[in-house]
Amino acid sequence: MFGLTTTRRLRTEQRKILGLQAQLGLARGFRQADEAARQRAEQDLADEIDAHLATIRRALAAEAAHTTAETGDGR
């Protein structure tokens, strides 16, 4: 009887351990997914900022070219 009870306890503990390992694996997977999503969001934001800066630079260059064409000397 003692052996059967011990075996049951061990199996129960093994199942608990397997469940905890599965939870840990899921938590790690979620953390990695969150990190990847954060990196994608950061990259998207950086790309958007770069696009806005490029638009501003083009507008400034076009304005400078227009001013140069009007005055002939860039003023």
PDB file of N, CA and C in Angstrom:
ATOM      1  N   MET A   1       0.818  -1.191   0.000  1.00  0.00           N
ATOM      2  CA  MET A   1       0.000   0.000   0.000  1.00  0.00           C
ATOM      3  C   MET A   1       0.864   1.258   0.000  1.00  0.00           C
ATOM      4  N   PHE A   2       1.953   1.221   0.795  1.00  0.00           N
ATOM      5  CA  PHE A   2       2.826   2.387   0.866  1.00  0.00           C
ATOM      6  C   PHE A   2       3.410   2.710  -0.509  1.00  0.00           C
ATOM      7  N   GLY A   3       3.819   1.686  -1.243  1.00  0.00           N
ATOM      8  CA  GLY A   3       4.397   1.880  -2.562  1.00  0.00           C
ATOM      9  C   GLY A   3       3.399   2.468  -3.539  1.00  0.00           C
ATOM     10  N   LEU A   4       2.176   2.046  -3.506  1.00  0.00           N
ATOM     11  CA  LEU A   4       1.145   2.558  -4.398  1.00  0.00           C
ATOM     12  C   LEU A   4       0.871   4.027  -4.114  1.00  0.00           C
ATOM     13  N   THR A   5       0.772   4.379  -2.847  1.00  0.00           N
ATOM     14  CA  THR A   5       0.527   5.770  -2.469  1.00  0.00           C
ATOM     15  C   THR A   5       1.705   6.644  -2.906  1.00  0.00           C
ATOM     16  N   THR A   6       2.905   6.164  -2.691  1.00  0.00           N
ATOM     17  CA  THR A   6       4.094   6.909  -3.094  1.00  0.00           C
ATOM     18  C   THR A   6       4.124   7.069  -4.608  1.00  0.00           C
ATOM     19  N   THR A   7       3.773   6.030  -5.338  1.00  0.00           N
ATOM     20  CA  THR A   7       3.741   6.088  -6.794  1.00  0.00           C
ATOM     21  C   THR A   7       2.711   7.113  -7.261  1.00  0.00           C
ATOM     22  N   ARG A   8       1.553   7.094  -6.639  1.00  0.00           N
ATOM     23  CA  ARG A   8       0.522   8.068  -7.000  1.00  0.00           C
ATOM     24  C   ARG A   8       0.988   9.487  -6.713  1.00  0.00           C
ATOM     25  N   ARG A   9       1.602   9.667  -5.564  1.00  0.00           N
ATOM     26  CA  ARG A   9       2.113  11.009  -5.221  1.00  0.00           C
ATOM     27  C   ARG A   9       3.156  11.466  -6.234  1.00  0.00           C
ATOM     28  N   LEU A  10       4.048  10.554  -6.590  1.00  0.00           N
ATOM     29  CA  LEU A  10       5.082  10.906  -7.566  1.00  0.00           C
ATOM     30  C   LEU A  10       4.464  11.267  -8.915  1.00  0.00           C
ATOM     31  N   ARG A  11       3.501  10.485  -9.349  1.00  0.00           N
ATOM     32  CA  ARG A  11       2.850  10.775 -10.630  1.00  0.00           C
ATOM     33  C   ARG A  11       2.120  12.116 -10.581  1.00  0.00           C
ATOM     34  N   THR A  12       1.460  12.370  -9.453  1.00  0.00           N
ATOM     35  CA  THR A  12       0.758  13.649  -9.296  1.00  0.00           C
ATOM     36  C   THR A  12       1.753  14.803  -9.352  1.00  0.00           C
ATOM     37  N   GLU A  13       2.872  14.644  -8.673  1.00  0.00           N
ATOM     38  CA  GLU A  13       3.892  15.692  -8.680  1.00  0.00           C
ATOM     39  C   GLU A  13       4.500  15.851 -10.076  1.00  0.00           C
ATOM     40  N   GLN A  14       4.679  14.725 -10.778  1.00  0.00           N
ATOM     41  CA  GLN A  14       5.212  14.798 -12.142  1.00  0.00           C
ATOM     42  C   GLN A  14       4.246  15.564 -13.049  1.00  0.00           C
ATOM     43  N   ARG A  15       2.954  15.303 -12.889  1.00  0.00           N
ATOM     44  CA  ARG A  15       1.955  16.029 -13.687  1.00  0.00           C
ATOM     45  C   ARG A  15       1.971  17.514 -13.360  1.00  0.00           C
ATOM     46  N   LYS A  16       2.118  17.830 -12.084  1.00  0.00           N
ATOM     47  CA  LYS A  16       2.199  19.238 -11.688  1.00  0.00           C
ATOM     48  C   LYS A  16       3.425  19.903 -12.323  1.00  0.00           C
ATOM     49  N   ILE A  17       4.536  19.173 -12.283  1.00  0.00           N
ATOM     50  CA  ILE A  17       5.772  19.704 -12.867  1.00  0.00           C
ATOM     51  C   ILE A  17       5.605  19.918 -14.370  1.00  0.00           C
ATOM     52  N   LEU A  18       5.001  18.946 -15.039  1.00  0.00           N
ATOM     53  CA  LEU A  18       4.775  19.086 -16.481  1.00  0.00           C
ATOM     54  C   LEU A  18       3.867  20.286 -16.769  1.00  0.00           C
ATOM     55  N   GLY A  19       2.839  20.460 -15.950  1.00  0.00           N
ATOM     56  CA  GLY A  19       1.951  21.599 -16.124  1.00  0.00           C
ATOM     57  C   GLY A  19       2.680  22.911 -15.916  1.00  0.00           C
ATOM     58  N   LEU A  20       3.521  22.967 -14.889  1.00  0.00           N
ATOM     59  CA  LEU A  20       4.294  24.188 -14.621  1.00  0.00           C
ATOM     60  C   LEU A  20       5.290  24.464 -15.747  1.00  0.00           C
ATOM     61  N   GLN A  21       5.912  23.397 -16.264  1.00  0.00           N
ATOM     62  CA  GLN A  21       6.837  23.573 -17.382  1.00  0.00           C
ATOM     63  C   GLN A  21       6.105  24.097 -18.616  1.00  0.00           C
ATOM     64  N   ALA A  22       4.906  23.600 -18.842  1.00  0.00           N
ATOM     65  CA  ALA A  22       4.113  24.087 -19.976  1.00  0.00           C
ATOM     66  C   ALA A  22       3.760  25.559 -19.778  1.00  0.00           C
ATOM     67  N   GLN A  23       3.378  25.934 -18.564  1.00  0.00           N
ATOM     68  CA  GLN A  23       3.061  27.337 -18.288  1.00  0.00           C
ATOM     69  C   GLN A  23       4.282  28.219 -18.485  1.00  0.00           C
ATOM     70  N   LEU A  24       5.424  27.730 -18.036  1.00  0.00           N
ATOM     71  CA  LEU A  24       6.662  28.486 -18.205  1.00  0.00           C
ATOM     72  C   LEU A  24       6.991  28.653 -19.681  1.00  0.00           C
ATOM     73  N   GLY A  25       6.810  27.590 -20.447  1.00  0.00           N
ATOM     74  CA  GLY A  25       7.063  27.666 -21.883  1.00  0.00           C
ATOM     75  C   GLY A  25       6.148  28.670 -22.557  1.00  0.00           C
ATOM     76  N   LEU A  26       4.879  28.668 -22.169  1.00  0.00           N
ATOM     77  CA  LEU A  26       3.934  29.641 -22.734  1.00  0.00           C
ATOM     78  C   LEU A  26       4.330  31.057 -22.358  1.00  0.00           C
ATOM     79  N   ALA A  27       4.700  31.249 -21.094  1.00  0.00           N
ATOM     80  CA  ALA A  27       5.095  32.586 -20.642  1.00  0.00           C
ATOM     81  C   ALA A  27       6.317  33.073 -21.422  1.00  0.00           C
ATOM     82  N   ARG A  28       7.272  32.193 -21.634  1.00  0.00           N
ATOM     83  CA  ARG A  28       8.460  32.578 -22.409  1.00  0.00           C
ATOM     84  C   ARG A  28       8.085  32.896 -23.856  1.00  0.00           C
ATOM     85  N   GLY A  29       7.188  32.097 -24.405  1.00  0.00           N
ATOM     86  CA  GLY A  29       6.743  32.347 -25.771  1.00  0.00           C
ATOM     87  C   GLY A  29       6.039  33.687 -25.895  1.00  0.00           C
ATOM     88  N   PHE A  30       5.172  34.002 -24.926  1.00  0.00           N
ATOM     89  CA  PHE A  30       4.481  35.294 -24.940  1.00  0.00           C
ATOM     90  C   PHE A  30       5.476  36.444 -24.798  1.00  0.00           C
ATOM     91  N   ARG A  31       6.469  36.267 -23.918  1.00  0.00           N
ATOM     92  CA  ARG A  31       7.463  37.323 -23.725  1.00  0.00           C
ATOM     93  C   ARG A  31       8.246  37.568 -25.014  1.00  0.00           C
ATOM     94  N   GLN A  32       8.619  36.486 -25.676  1.00  0.00           N
ATOM     95  CA  GLN A  32       9.365  36.631 -26.927  1.00  0.00           C
ATOM     96  C   GLN A  32       8.492  37.271 -27.997  1.00  0.00           C
ATOM     97  N   ALA A  33       7.223  36.892 -28.029  1.00  0.00           N
ATOM     98  CA  ALA A  33       6.307  37.489 -29.002  1.00  0.00           C
ATOM     99  C   ALA A  33       6.120  38.966 -28.707  1.00  0.00           C
ATOM    100  N   ASP A  34       6.012  39.317 -27.416  1.00  0.00           N
ATOM    101  CA  ASP A  34       5.877  40.720 -27.032  1.00  0.00           C
ATOM    102  C   ASP A  34       7.114  41.509 -27.437  1.00  0.00           C
ATOM    103  N   GLU A  35       8.273  40.927 -27.241  1.00  0.00           N
ATOM    104  CA  GLU A  35       9.521  41.596 -27.605  1.00  0.00           C
ATOM    105  C   GLU A  35       9.597  41.806 -29.118  1.00  0.00           C
ATOM    106  N   ALA A  36       9.216  40.787 -29.873  1.00  0.00           N
ATOM    107  CA  ALA A  36       9.227  40.912 -31.332  1.00  0.00           C
ATOM    108  C   ALA A  36       8.229  41.979 -31.785  1.00  0.00           C
ATOM    109  N   ALA A  37       7.068  42.007 -31.168  1.00  0.00           N
ATOM    110  CA  ALA A  37       6.064  43.014 -31.518  1.00  0.00           C
ATOM    111  C   ALA A  37       6.565  44.410 -31.174  1.00  0.00           C
ATOM    112  N   ARG A  38       7.243  44.548 -30.024  1.00  0.00           N
ATOM    113  CA  ARG A  38       7.789  45.854 -29.631  1.00  0.00           C
ATOM    114  C   ARG A  38       8.852  46.303 -30.629  1.00  0.00           C
ATOM    115  N   GLN A  39       9.701  45.387 -31.039  1.00  0.00           N
ATOM    116  CA  GLN A  39      10.744  45.738 -32.007  1.00  0.00           C
ATOM    117  C   GLN A  39      10.141  46.136 -33.346  1.00  0.00           C
ATOM    118  N   ARG A  40       9.088  45.426 -33.776  1.00  0.00           N
ATOM    119  CA  ARG A  40       8.418  45.793 -35.029  1.00  0.00           C
ATOM    120  C   ARG A  40       7.783  47.173 -34.914  1.00  0.00           C
ATOM    121  N   ALA A  41       7.159  47.450 -33.781  1.00  0.00           N
ATOM    122  CA  ALA A  41       6.523  48.754 -33.577  1.00  0.00           C
ATOM    123  C   ALA A  41       7.571  49.863 -33.577  1.00  0.00           C
ATOM    124  N   GLU A  42       8.700  49.619 -32.926  1.00  0.00           N
ATOM    125  CA  GLU A  42       9.782  50.610 -32.924  1.00  0.00           C
ATOM    126  C   GLU A  42      10.291  50.854 -34.341  1.00  0.00           C
ATOM    127  N   GLN A  43      10.469  49.782 -35.109  1.00  0.00           N
ATOM    128  CA  GLN A  43      10.957  49.925 -36.476  1.00  0.00           C
ATOM    129  C   GLN A  43       9.942  50.657 -37.344  1.00  0.00           C
ATOM    130  N   ASP A  44       8.658  50.334 -37.163  1.00  0.00           N
ATOM    131  CA  ASP A  44       7.611  51.027 -37.924  1.00  0.00           C
ATOM    132  C   ASP A  44       7.610  52.519 -37.611  1.00  0.00           C
ATOM    133  N   LEU A  45       7.767  52.853 -36.329  1.00  0.00           N
ATOM    134  CA  LEU A  45       7.801  54.256 -35.933  1.00  0.00           C
ATOM    135  C   LEU A  45       9.027  54.952 -36.506  1.00  0.00           C
ATOM    136  N   ALA A  46      10.167  54.295 -36.461  1.00  0.00           N
ATOM    137  CA  ALA A  46      11.387  54.869 -37.024  1.00  0.00           C
ATOM    138  C   ALA A  46      11.230  55.086 -38.526  1.00  0.00           C
ATOM    139  N   ASP A  47      10.619  54.130 -39.219  1.00  0.00           N
ATOM    140  CA  ASP A  47      10.383  54.272 -40.657  1.00  0.00           C
ATOM    141  C   ASP A  47       9.447  55.438 -40.952  1.00  0.00           C
ATOM    142  N   GLU A  48       8.415  55.588 -40.118  1.00  0.00           N
ATOM    143  CA  GLU A  48       7.466  56.692 -40.316  1.00  0.00           C
ATOM    144  C   GLU A  48       8.141  58.044 -40.092  1.00  0.00           C
ATOM    145  N   ILE A  49       8.971  58.123 -39.060  1.00  0.00           N
ATOM    146  CA  ILE A  49       9.710  59.366 -38.794  1.00  0.00           C
ATOM    147  C   ILE A  49      10.643  59.679 -39.956  1.00  0.00           C
ATOM    148  N   ASP A  50      11.358  58.666 -40.443  1.00  0.00           N
ATOM    149  CA  ASP A  50      12.261  58.868 -41.581  1.00  0.00           C
ATOM    150  C   ASP A  50      11.498  59.359 -42.808  1.00  0.00           C
ATOM    151  N   ALA A  51      10.310  58.807 -43.039  1.00  0.00           N
ATOM    152  CA  ALA A  51       9.503  59.236 -44.185  1.00  0.00           C
ATOM    153  C   ALA A  51       9.080  60.694 -44.033  1.00  0.00           C
ATOM    154  N   HIS A  52       8.677  61.085 -42.825  1.00  0.00           N
ATOM    155  CA  HIS A  52       8.294  62.484 -42.601  1.00  0.00           C
ATOM    156  C   HIS A  52       9.488  63.421 -42.781  1.00  0.00           C
ATOM    157  N   LEU A  53      10.640  63.009 -42.272  1.00  0.00           N
ATOM    158  CA  LEU A  53      11.847  63.832 -42.442  1.00  0.00           C
ATOM    159  C   LEU A  53      12.201  63.974 -43.916  1.00  0.00           C
ATOM    160  N   ALA A  54      12.084  62.902 -44.669  1.00  0.00           N
ATOM    161  CA  ALA A  54      12.377  62.959 -46.099  1.00  0.00           C
ATOM    162  C   ALA A  54      11.413  63.907 -46.803  1.00  0.00           C
ATOM    163  N   THR A  55      10.138  63.880 -46.415  1.00  0.00           N
ATOM    164  CA  THR A  55       9.148  64.789 -47.008  1.00  0.00           C
ATOM    165  C   THR A  55       9.508  66.237 -46.703  1.00  0.00           C
ATOM    166  N   ILE A  56       9.885  66.491 -45.453  1.00  0.00           N
ATOM    167  CA  ILE A  56      10.263  67.853 -45.056  1.00  0.00           C
ATOM    168  C   ILE A  56      11.499  68.302 -45.824  1.00  0.00           C
ATOM    169  N   ARG A  57      12.488  67.429 -45.953  1.00  0.00           N
ATOM    170  CA  ARG A  57      13.715  67.788 -46.681  1.00  0.00           C
ATOM    171  C   ARG A  57      13.421  68.083 -48.153  1.00  0.00           C
ATOM    172  N   ARG A  58      12.540  67.283 -48.761  1.00  0.00           N
ATOM    173  CA  ARG A  58      12.168  67.533 -50.162  1.00  0.00           C
ATOM    174  C   ARG A  58      11.458  68.873 -50.302  1.00  0.00           C
ATOM    175  N   ALA A  59      10.567  69.171 -49.352  1.00  0.00           N
ATOM    176  CA  ALA A  59       9.852  70.446 -49.401  1.00  0.00           C
ATOM    177  C   ALA A  59      10.815  71.613 -49.236  1.00  0.00           C
ATOM    178  N   LEU A  60      11.767  71.483 -48.321  1.00  0.00           N
ATOM    179  CA  LEU A  60      12.762  72.543 -48.120  1.00  0.00           C
ATOM    180  C   LEU A  60      13.645  72.715 -49.356  1.00  0.00           C
ATOM    181  N   ALA A  61      14.037  71.594 -49.945  1.00  0.00           N
ATOM    182  CA  ALA A  61      14.874  71.662 -51.147  1.00  0.00           C
ATOM    183  C   ALA A  61      14.100  72.306 -52.296  1.00  0.00           C
ATOM    184  N   ALA A  62      12.811  71.944 -52.427  1.00  0.00           N
ATOM    185  CA  ALA A  62      11.999  72.536 -53.489  1.00  0.00           C
ATOM    186  C   ALA A  62      11.813  74.027 -53.254  1.00  0.00           C
ATOM    187  N   GLU A  63      11.614  74.413 -52.004  1.00  0.00           N
ATOM    188  CA  GLU A  63      11.469  75.834 -51.677  1.00  0.00           C
ATOM    189  C   GLU A  63      12.755  76.594 -51.957  1.00  0.00           C
ATOM    190  N   ALA A  64      13.888  75.995 -51.590  1.00  0.00           N
ATOM    191  CA  ALA A  64      15.178  76.641 -51.845  1.00  0.00           C
ATOM    192  C   ALA A  64      15.418  76.771 -53.345  1.00  0.00           C
ATOM    193  N   ALA A  65      15.062  75.747 -54.107  1.00  0.00           N
ATOM    194  CA  ALA A  65      15.237  75.801 -55.559  1.00  0.00           C
ATOM    195  C   ALA A  65      14.333  76.869 -56.157  1.00  0.00           C
ATOM    196  N   HIS A  66      13.128  76.996 -55.655  1.00  0.00           N
ATOM    197  CA  HIS A  66      12.191  78.004 -56.150  1.00  0.00           C
ATOM    198  C   HIS A  66      12.703  79.417 -55.830  1.00  0.00           C
ATOM    199  N   THR A  67      13.217  79.571 -54.608  1.00  0.00           N
ATOM    200  CA  THR A  67      13.741  80.873 -54.196  1.00  0.00           C
ATOM    201  C   THR A  67      14.958  81.226 -55.035  1.00  0.00           C
ATOM    202  N   THR A  68      15.809  80.265 -55.282  1.00  0.00           N
ATOM    203  CA  THR A  68      16.999  80.510 -56.110  1.00  0.00           C
ATOM    204  C   THR A  68      16.584  80.890 -57.526  1.00  0.00           C
ATOM    205  N   ALA A  69      15.587  80.234 -58.053  1.00  0.00           N
ATOM    206  CA  ALA A  69      15.124  80.532 -59.406  1.00  0.00           C
ATOM    207  C   ALA A  69      14.521  81.943 -59.476  1.00  0.00           C
ATOM    208  N   GLU A  70      13.841  82.379 -58.434  1.00  0.00           N
ATOM    209  CA  GLU A  70      13.229  83.710 -58.429  1.00  0.00           C
ATOM    210  C   GLU A  70      14.260  84.822 -58.300  1.00  0.00           C
ATOM    211  N   THR A  71      15.209  84.663 -57.356  1.00  0.00           N
ATOM    212  CA  THR A  71      16.158  85.727 -57.101  1.00  0.00           C
ATOM    213  C   THR A  71      17.461  85.580 -57.874  1.00  0.00           C
ATOM    214  N   GLY A  72      17.728  84.369 -58.264  1.00  0.00           N
ATOM    215  CA  GLY A  72      18.956  84.144 -59.013  1.00  0.00           C
ATOM    216  C   GLY A  72      20.171  84.010 -58.127  1.00  0.00           C
ATOM    217  N   ASP A  73      20.039  84.304 -56.821  1.00  0.00           N
ATOM    218  CA  ASP A  73      21.214  84.198 -55.960  1.00  0.00           C
ATOM    219  C   ASP A  73      20.945  83.426 -54.661  1.00  0.00           C
ATOM    220  N   GLY A  74      19.764  82.855 -54.516  1.00  0.00           N
ATOM    221  CA  GLY A  74      19.496  82.027 -53.364  1.00  0.00           C
ATOM    222  C   GLY A  74      18.911  82.765 -52.175  1.00  0.00           C
ATOM    223  N   ARG A  75      18.622  84.060 -52.313  1.00  0.00           N
ATOM    224  CA  ARG A  75      18.050  84.809 -51.170  1.00  0.00           C
ATOM    225  C   ARG A  75      16.574  84.840 -51.190  1.00  0.00           C
TER     226      ARG A  75
END
